Amino acid sequence: MEKYEYKNIKTGEIVEDFMAEDYVLEKLGITIEPKGKNGEMTQEQIENIEETVEWFFSGNWIKEEVKED
């Protein structure tokens, strides 16, 4: 399984891919309340979160594959 991280080209900060969603939502001050049945996220919410993460990291960030030794 491939692992990725995002590296800020200005600050050197690194965010691992599994933390990216939480990192972005926290940085943007976004709280999401699941609106699906049984307290789950709707497909639309999931897609919006994915697009927001992609947008956030499209600026001063580089997505790099993490090499496992």
N, C-alpha and C. Protein backbone atom coordinates (compact mmCIF):
# COMPACT_ATOMS: atom_id res chain seq x y z
N MET A 1 0.84 -1.18 0.00
CA MET A 1 0.00 0.00 0.00
C MET A 1 0.89 1.25 0.00
N GLU A 2 0.61 2.15 -0.90
CA GLU A 2 1.40 3.36 -1.00
C GLU A 2 0.99 4.36 0.07
N LYS A 3 1.98 5.02 0.64
CA LYS A 3 1.73 6.05 1.64
C LYS A 3 2.23 7.37 1.08
N TYR A 4 1.50 8.43 1.41
CA TYR A 4 1.87 9.75 0.94
C TYR A 4 1.94 10.72 2.10
N GLU A 5 2.64 11.82 1.87
CA GLU A 5 2.65 12.92 2.80
C GLU A 5 2.64 14.20 1.99
N TYR A 6 2.17 15.24 2.63
CA TYR A 6 2.15 16.56 2.01
C TYR A 6 3.20 17.40 2.71
N LYS A 7 4.03 18.07 1.93
CA LYS A 7 5.10 18.90 2.51
C LYS A 7 4.90 20.34 2.04
N ASN A 8 4.85 21.26 3.02
CA ASN A 8 4.71 22.68 2.71
C ASN A 8 6.06 23.18 2.22
N ILE A 9 6.08 23.74 1.00
CA ILE A 9 7.35 24.16 0.40
C ILE A 9 7.91 25.43 1.04
N LYS A 10 7.10 26.15 1.78
CA LYS A 10 7.59 27.36 2.44
C LYS A 10 8.05 27.10 3.87
N THR A 11 7.33 26.26 4.60
CA THR A 11 7.64 26.06 6.02
C THR A 11 8.31 24.73 6.32
N GLY A 12 8.21 23.77 5.39
CA GLY A 12 8.77 22.45 5.62
C GLY A 12 7.85 21.54 6.43
N GLU A 13 6.69 22.06 6.84
CA GLU A 13 5.73 21.27 7.62
C GLU A 13 5.28 20.05 6.81
N ILE A 14 5.12 18.93 7.48
CA ILE A 14 4.70 17.69 6.82
C ILE A 14 3.41 17.19 7.46
N VAL A 15 2.47 16.80 6.59
CA VAL A 15 1.20 16.21 7.03
C VAL A 15 1.08 14.85 6.34
N GLU A 16 0.96 13.80 7.13
CA GLU A 16 0.80 12.47 6.56
C GLU A 16 -0.60 12.33 5.98
N ASP A 17 -0.71 11.50 4.93
CA ASP A 17 -1.98 11.40 4.20
C ASP A 17 -3.15 11.00 5.08
N PHE A 18 -2.94 10.13 6.07
CA PHE A 18 -4.06 9.68 6.90
C PHE A 18 -4.56 10.79 7.83
N MET A 19 -3.75 11.84 8.02
CA MET A 19 -4.14 12.97 8.86
C MET A 19 -4.63 14.17 8.06
N ALA A 20 -4.55 14.10 6.75
CA ALA A 20 -4.82 15.25 5.89
C ALA A 20 -6.23 15.81 6.08
N GLU A 21 -7.23 14.95 6.11
CA GLU A 21 -8.61 15.42 6.24
C GLU A 21 -8.81 16.19 7.54
N ASP A 22 -8.41 15.61 8.66
CA ASP A 22 -8.56 16.27 9.95
C ASP A 22 -7.76 17.57 10.01
N TYR A 23 -6.56 17.55 9.46
CA TYR A 23 -5.70 18.72 9.45
C TYR A 23 -6.37 19.88 8.72
N VAL A 24 -6.87 19.61 7.53
CA VAL A 24 -7.48 20.66 6.70
C VAL A 24 -8.73 21.22 7.37
N LEU A 25 -9.61 20.34 7.84
CA LEU A 25 -10.84 20.80 8.46
C LEU A 25 -10.55 21.65 9.69
N GLU A 26 -9.54 21.25 10.48
CA GLU A 26 -9.17 22.03 11.66
C GLU A 26 -8.60 23.38 11.27
N LYS A 27 -7.70 23.39 10.29
CA LYS A 27 -7.08 24.65 9.85
C LYS A 27 -8.12 25.63 9.31
N LEU A 28 -9.14 25.11 8.63
CA LEU A 28 -10.17 25.96 8.06
C LEU A 28 -11.30 26.24 9.04
N GLY A 29 -11.27 25.62 10.21
CA GLY A 29 -12.31 25.84 11.22
C GLY A 29 -13.65 25.26 10.83
N ILE A 30 -13.62 24.14 10.11
CA ILE A 30 -14.85 23.51 9.64
C ILE A 30 -15.21 22.33 10.52
N THR A 31 -16.44 22.33 10.99
CA THR A 31 -16.98 21.21 11.74
C THR A 31 -18.10 20.61 10.90
N ILE A 32 -18.08 19.30 10.74
CA ILE A 32 -19.07 18.65 9.90
C ILE A 32 -19.94 17.72 10.73
N GLU A 33 -21.21 17.92 10.60
CA GLU A 33 -22.18 17.06 11.28
C GLU A 33 -22.74 16.09 10.25
N PRO A 34 -22.51 14.79 10.43
CA PRO A 34 -23.03 13.81 9.47
C PRO A 34 -24.54 13.94 9.29
N LYS A 35 -24.99 13.92 8.04
CA LYS A 35 -26.40 14.11 7.75
C LYS A 35 -27.05 12.87 7.16
N GLY A 36 -26.31 11.78 7.10
CA GLY A 36 -26.86 10.55 6.54
C GLY A 36 -27.60 9.73 7.58
N LYS A 37 -28.17 8.65 7.13
CA LYS A 37 -28.86 7.73 8.03
C LYS A 37 -27.84 7.14 9.01
N ASN A 38 -28.28 6.88 10.22
CA ASN A 38 -27.45 6.27 11.25
C ASN A 38 -26.21 7.10 11.58
N GLY A 39 -26.29 8.40 11.41
CA GLY A 39 -25.19 9.27 11.78
C GLY A 39 -23.97 9.16 10.90
N GLU A 40 -24.14 8.76 9.66
CA GLU A 40 -23.03 8.62 8.72
C GLU A 40 -22.96 9.83 7.80
N MET A 41 -21.81 10.01 7.22
CA MET A 41 -21.64 11.07 6.23
C MET A 41 -22.40 10.69 4.95
N THR A 42 -22.97 11.69 4.30
CA THR A 42 -23.61 11.43 3.01
C THR A 42 -22.52 11.40 1.94
N GLN A 43 -22.84 10.86 0.80
CA GLN A 43 -21.88 10.82 -0.31
C GLN A 43 -21.47 12.24 -0.69
N GLU A 44 -22.41 13.15 -0.67
CA GLU A 44 -22.11 14.55 -1.00
C GLU A 44 -21.14 15.16 0.01
N GLN A 45 -21.32 14.87 1.29
CA GLN A 45 -20.39 15.36 2.30
C GLN A 45 -18.99 14.80 2.08
N ILE A 46 -18.90 13.52 1.80
CA ILE A 46 -17.60 12.87 1.56
C ILE A 46 -16.91 13.51 0.36
N GLU A 47 -17.64 13.72 -0.72
CA GLU A 47 -17.07 14.34 -1.92
C GLU A 47 -16.62 15.77 -1.64
N ASN A 48 -17.41 16.53 -0.89
CA ASN A 48 -17.03 17.91 -0.55
C ASN A 48 -15.77 17.95 0.29
N ILE A 49 -15.63 17.03 1.23
CA ILE A 49 -14.43 16.98 2.06
C ILE A 49 -13.22 16.64 1.20
N GLU A 50 -13.35 15.65 0.32
CA GLU A 50 -12.25 15.26 -0.55
C GLU A 50 -11.80 16.43 -1.42
N GLU A 51 -12.76 17.17 -1.98
CA GLU A 51 -12.44 18.31 -2.83
C GLU A 51 -11.79 19.44 -2.03
N THR A 52 -12.23 19.63 -0.80
CA THR A 52 -11.64 20.66 0.06
C THR A 52 -10.19 20.32 0.39
N VAL A 53 -9.92 19.06 0.70
CA VAL A 53 -8.55 18.62 0.99
C VAL A 53 -7.67 18.82 -0.25
N GLU A 54 -8.18 18.43 -1.40
CA GLU A 54 -7.42 18.59 -2.64
C GLU A 54 -7.13 20.07 -2.90
N TRP A 55 -8.12 20.92 -2.71
CA TRP A 55 -7.94 22.36 -2.91
C TRP A 55 -6.90 22.92 -1.93
N PHE A 56 -7.01 22.56 -0.66
CA PHE A 56 -6.11 23.08 0.37
C PHE A 56 -4.66 22.77 0.04
N PHE A 57 -4.38 21.56 -0.35
CA PHE A 57 -3.01 21.13 -0.61
C PHE A 57 -2.52 21.48 -2.02
N SER A 58 -3.34 22.18 -2.80
CA SER A 58 -2.93 22.54 -4.17
C SER A 58 -2.07 23.80 -4.20
N GLY A 59 -1.95 24.49 -3.07
CA GLY A 59 -1.16 25.72 -3.01
C GLY A 59 0.31 25.46 -2.80
N ASN A 60 0.78 25.71 -1.61
CA ASN A 60 2.21 25.63 -1.29
C ASN A 60 2.62 24.25 -0.79
N TRP A 61 1.96 23.23 -1.22
CA TRP A 61 2.23 21.88 -0.74
C TRP A 61 2.63 20.96 -1.90
N ILE A 62 3.50 20.00 -1.59
CA ILE A 62 3.90 18.98 -2.55
C ILE A 62 3.48 17.63 -1.98
N LYS A 63 2.84 16.82 -2.79
CA LYS A 63 2.45 15.47 -2.37
C LYS A 63 3.59 14.53 -2.76
N GLU A 64 4.14 13.83 -1.77
CA GLU A 64 5.27 12.94 -2.00
C GLU A 64 4.95 11.55 -1.50
N GLU A 65 5.42 10.56 -2.22
CA GLU A 65 5.27 9.18 -1.76
C GLU A 65 6.31 8.89 -0.68
N VAL A 66 5.87 8.23 0.37
CA VAL A 66 6.78 7.87 1.46
C VAL A 66 7.36 6.50 1.14
N LYS A 67 8.67 6.43 1.12
CA LYS A 67 9.37 5.17 0.82
C LYS A 67 9.53 4.37 2.11
N GLU A 68 9.11 3.14 2.07
CA GLU A 68 9.28 2.25 3.22
C GLU A 68 10.61 1.53 3.11
N ASP A 69 11.36 1.49 4.18
CA ASP A 69 12.67 0.79 4.16
C ASP A 69 12.49 -0.68 4.41
